[in-house]
Amino acid sequence: MQPLRHAEPVEAAEPVETVDPVAAPAAVRPGRLRTAWRAAHEPVAGVSRRTHLLTCAIPLAVLPSSLWRLPAAFDRGIGVGERAYVVFLSALSEALAFTAFGLIARWGEVFPHWLPFLRGRRVPPKAAVIPAATGAALLTVLFTLLAPVAEFRGTTIRGDDLPGDSPSEVGGWETLSFFVCYAPLVLWGPLLAVLTVAYGKRRRAEPRG
């Protein structure tokens, strides 16, 4: 009779991970949002930390006035059209402020993949510099020069007398909150001008070809 051999221990099979088909989309979605956020905000090589901080300051400078307007959309004394206008104006202001990131992010130098015929092509420097410089000039004239002078004189930008129910005339907390929320807008134009100059210098320093 042959001696009995000890059976070799059998290694336990590693458990197979199963993916919940319901939870999978929820796990993928945050990753996509995070990637899109980075692509929209992350600066390219050559952008200094100071320039990055100035870019982040623009949406933050516009945000208080955008939020200040929103309660008016729920006022019972205005119509549906006026409510939609208030919400649209606040959303549009933030969208325009966000375009400042195009002066430091990749999508301001290379057309995004979702643009037909242009995807992957280099953005001509003038195609970004001219609109940005024009916007910076208009914003500087409007919010940095005309608006403070008009408030100091007690008139509108067009020169008309301010009505008695104007937020800057009623006094109290409403007037204080109005000035606190709208004062940062004086920085929008100058900050955009600085970013435009930095963008133009960086693009000119690129190797040709």
Protein backbone atom coordinates (compact mmCIF):
# COMPACT_ATOMS: atom_id res chain seq x y z
CA MET A 1 0.00 0.00 0.00
CA GLN A 2 1.25 3.43 -0.88
CA PRO A 3 1.53 5.95 1.95
CA LEU A 4 -1.16 8.54 2.10
CA ARG A 5 -0.09 11.97 0.83
CA HIS A 6 -1.20 15.08 2.56
CA ALA A 7 -3.42 17.10 0.29
CA GLU A 8 -1.94 20.47 -0.58
CA PRO A 9 -4.00 23.37 0.71
CA VAL A 10 -6.10 24.97 -1.95
CA GLU A 11 -5.85 28.74 -2.06
CA ALA A 12 -9.17 30.44 -1.73
CA ALA A 13 -10.27 32.22 -4.86
CA GLU A 14 -10.31 35.98 -4.65
CA PRO A 15 -13.82 37.37 -4.45
CA VAL A 16 -15.02 38.83 -7.70
CA GLU A 17 -16.17 42.40 -7.32
CA THR A 18 -19.56 43.08 -8.77
CA VAL A 19 -20.60 46.47 -10.03
CA ASP A 20 -24.02 47.67 -9.19
CA PRO A 21 -25.49 48.88 -12.50
CA VAL A 22 -27.53 51.44 -10.61
CA ALA A 23 -24.63 52.86 -8.59
CA ALA A 24 -22.15 52.82 -11.49
CA PRO A 25 -23.47 55.92 -13.31
CA ALA A 26 -23.46 57.81 -10.01
CA ALA A 27 -19.79 56.93 -9.53
CA VAL A 28 -18.82 57.92 -13.07
CA ARG A 29 -20.71 61.20 -13.12
CA PRO A 30 -18.66 62.95 -10.39
CA GLY A 31 -15.49 61.94 -12.22
CA ARG A 32 -16.72 63.51 -15.44
CA LEU A 33 -17.77 66.66 -13.65
CA ARG A 34 -14.40 66.88 -11.94
CA THR A 35 -12.61 66.45 -15.25
CA ALA A 36 -14.76 69.11 -16.92
CA TRP A 37 -14.19 71.47 -13.99
CA ARG A 38 -10.42 71.08 -14.23
CA ALA A 39 -10.45 71.53 -17.99
CA ALA A 40 -12.43 74.76 -17.61
CA HIS A 41 -10.42 76.26 -14.75
CA GLU A 42 -6.96 74.71 -14.65
CA PRO A 43 -4.28 77.13 -15.93
CA VAL A 44 -1.86 76.11 -18.64
CA ALA A 45 1.90 76.08 -18.25
CA GLY A 46 3.36 79.56 -18.05
CA VAL A 47 0.48 81.11 -16.09
CA SER A 48 1.76 82.53 -12.82
CA ARG A 49 -0.01 82.00 -9.53
CA ARG A 50 -0.76 85.72 -9.34
CA THR A 51 -2.46 85.64 -12.74
CA HIS A 52 -4.46 82.59 -11.67
CA LEU A 53 -5.64 84.36 -8.52
CA LEU A 54 -6.63 87.46 -10.50
CA THR A 55 -8.71 85.26 -12.80
CA CYS A 56 -10.49 83.64 -9.85
CA ALA A 57 -11.19 87.10 -8.44
CA ILE A 58 -13.33 88.16 -11.42
CA PRO A 59 -16.27 85.75 -10.89
CA LEU A 60 -16.06 86.45 -7.16
CA ALA A 61 -16.26 90.19 -7.80
CA VAL A 62 -19.36 89.77 -9.98
CA LEU A 63 -21.12 87.23 -7.76
CA PRO A 64 -22.34 89.59 -4.96
CA SER A 65 -24.24 91.86 -7.35
CA SER A 66 -25.72 88.85 -9.15
CA LEU A 67 -26.98 87.43 -5.86
CA TRP A 68 -28.23 90.84 -4.72
CA ARG A 69 -30.56 91.07 -7.74
CA LEU A 70 -32.14 87.64 -7.34
CA PRO A 71 -34.60 88.49 -4.50
CA ALA A 72 -36.20 91.01 -6.84
CA ALA A 73 -37.23 88.09 -9.07
CA PHE A 74 -39.53 86.90 -6.29
CA ASP A 75 -41.09 90.28 -5.60
CA ARG A 76 -44.86 90.17 -5.96
CA GLY A 77 -44.92 93.57 -7.60
CA ILE A 78 -43.20 92.56 -10.84
CA GLY A 79 -44.38 90.53 -13.78
CA VAL A 80 -43.14 87.27 -15.22
CA GLY A 81 -41.09 89.01 -17.90
CA GLU A 82 -39.28 91.16 -15.36
CA ARG A 83 -38.58 88.16 -13.17
CA ALA A 84 -37.09 86.28 -16.08
CA TYR A 85 -35.00 89.34 -16.97
CA VAL A 86 -33.55 89.59 -13.45
CA VAL A 87 -32.59 85.91 -13.37
CA PHE A 88 -31.20 86.07 -16.91
CA LEU A 89 -29.13 89.17 -16.11
CA SER A 90 -27.57 87.53 -13.05
CA ALA A 91 -26.80 84.32 -14.96
CA LEU A 92 -25.41 86.25 -17.92
CA SER A 93 -23.16 88.33 -15.66
CA GLU A 94 -21.63 85.21 -14.13
CA ALA A 95 -21.25 83.56 -17.55
CA LEU A 96 -19.38 86.59 -18.88
CA ALA A 97 -17.21 86.68 -15.77
CA PHE A 98 -16.37 82.99 -16.29
CA THR A 99 -14.98 83.69 -19.77
CA ALA A 100 -11.96 85.24 -18.05
CA PHE A 101 -10.70 81.68 -17.49
CA GLY A 102 -10.30 81.40 -21.24
CA LEU A 103 -7.31 83.71 -20.85
CA ILE A 104 -5.44 81.19 -18.68
CA ALA A 105 -6.96 77.76 -19.47
CA ARG A 106 -6.31 75.44 -22.40
CA TRP A 107 -9.68 76.09 -24.02
CA GLY A 108 -8.54 79.67 -24.58
CA GLU A 109 -5.55 78.48 -26.62
CA VAL A 110 -6.88 75.32 -28.31
CA PHE A 111 -10.47 75.00 -29.53
CA PRO A 112 -12.43 72.37 -27.51
CA HIS A 113 -13.27 69.01 -29.06
CA TRP A 114 -17.02 69.75 -29.18
CA LEU A 115 -16.54 72.54 -31.74
CA PRO A 116 -16.98 71.17 -35.26
CA PHE A 117 -14.33 72.05 -37.85
CA LEU A 118 -12.24 73.87 -35.22
CA ARG A 119 -11.61 71.15 -32.66
CA GLY A 120 -7.94 70.76 -31.77
CA ARG A 121 -6.84 73.85 -33.72
CA ARG A 122 -4.90 76.64 -32.07
CA VAL A 123 -6.95 79.71 -31.18
CA PRO A 124 -5.55 82.75 -33.01
CA PRO A 125 -4.32 85.20 -30.36
CA LYS A 126 -6.28 88.08 -31.88
CA ALA A 127 -9.51 86.06 -31.67
CA ALA A 128 -9.19 86.18 -27.89
CA VAL A 129 -7.32 89.44 -27.33
CA ILE A 130 -9.64 91.72 -29.32
CA PRO A 131 -12.92 90.64 -27.63
CA ALA A 132 -11.27 90.57 -24.20
CA ALA A 133 -9.72 94.01 -24.65
CA THR A 134 -13.01 95.43 -25.91
CA GLY A 135 -14.87 93.95 -22.96
CA ALA A 136 -12.28 95.24 -20.50
CA ALA A 137 -12.56 98.76 -21.92
CA LEU A 138 -16.37 98.77 -21.80
CA LEU A 139 -16.50 97.34 -18.28
CA THR A 140 -13.93 99.85 -17.05
CA VAL A 141 -15.83 102.79 -18.50
CA LEU A 142 -19.19 101.51 -17.23
CA PHE A 143 -18.45 100.20 -13.74
CA THR A 144 -15.14 101.80 -12.82
CA LEU A 145 -15.74 105.33 -14.13
CA LEU A 146 -19.36 106.16 -14.99
CA ALA A 147 -21.20 104.25 -12.25
CA PRO A 148 -19.26 105.72 -9.27
CA VAL A 149 -19.47 109.23 -10.70
CA ALA A 150 -23.21 108.85 -11.30
CA GLU A 151 -23.79 107.60 -7.75
CA PHE A 152 -21.77 110.48 -6.34
CA ARG A 153 -23.86 112.98 -8.33
CA GLY A 154 -27.12 111.20 -7.46
CA THR A 155 -28.00 110.47 -11.08
CA THR A 156 -28.21 107.51 -13.39
CA ILE A 157 -25.46 106.76 -15.89
CA ARG A 158 -27.53 108.59 -18.52
CA GLY A 159 -27.70 111.68 -16.30
CA ASP A 160 -31.31 111.38 -15.10
CA ASP A 161 -32.16 111.99 -11.45
CA LEU A 162 -32.37 108.83 -9.34
CA PRO A 163 -35.90 107.92 -8.23
CA GLY A 164 -36.67 108.03 -4.54
CA ASP A 165 -37.07 104.25 -4.33
CA SER A 166 -33.62 103.62 -5.80
CA PRO A 167 -31.59 101.21 -3.61
CA SER A 168 -28.88 103.82 -3.17
CA GLU A 169 -31.41 106.43 -2.01
CA VAL A 170 -33.75 104.62 0.40
CA GLY A 171 -31.14 104.41 3.14
CA GLY A 172 -30.66 101.81 5.85
CA TRP A 173 -29.53 98.25 5.31
CA GLU A 174 -30.84 98.16 1.75
CA THR A 175 -28.53 100.98 0.69
CA LEU A 176 -25.61 99.50 2.60
CA SER A 177 -26.06 96.06 1.04
CA PHE A 178 -26.40 97.65 -2.41
CA PHE A 179 -23.04 99.44 -2.17
CA VAL A 180 -21.30 96.45 -0.58
CA CYS A 181 -22.49 94.09 -3.34
CA TYR A 182 -21.94 96.44 -6.28
CA ALA A 183 -18.64 97.98 -5.22
CA PRO A 184 -16.53 94.96 -6.36
CA LEU A 185 -17.72 95.53 -9.94
CA VAL A 186 -15.24 98.41 -10.23
CA LEU A 187 -12.50 95.73 -10.40
CA TRP A 188 -14.00 93.73 -13.26
CA GLY A 189 -12.71 95.82 -16.14
CA PRO A 190 -9.18 96.50 -14.79
CA LEU A 191 -8.66 92.85 -13.82
CA LEU A 192 -9.78 91.69 -17.25
CA ALA A 193 -7.39 94.17 -18.84
CA VAL A 194 -4.47 92.77 -16.84
CA LEU A 195 -5.37 89.22 -17.86
CA THR A 196 -5.67 90.25 -21.50
CA VAL A 197 -2.18 91.75 -21.51
CA ALA A 198 -0.74 88.65 -19.80
CA TYR A 199 -2.49 86.40 -22.33
CA GLY A 200 -1.13 88.38 -25.28
CA LYS A 201 2.42 88.28 -23.93
CA ARG A 202 2.24 84.54 -23.27
CA ARG A 203 0.90 83.76 -26.74
CA ARG A 204 3.55 85.91 -28.41
CA ALA A 205 6.24 83.98 -26.56
CA GLU A 206 5.06 80.68 -28.05
CA PRO A 207 7.47 79.05 -30.53
CA ARG A 208 6.28 79.58 -34.07
CA GLY A 209 5.26 76.62 -36.17
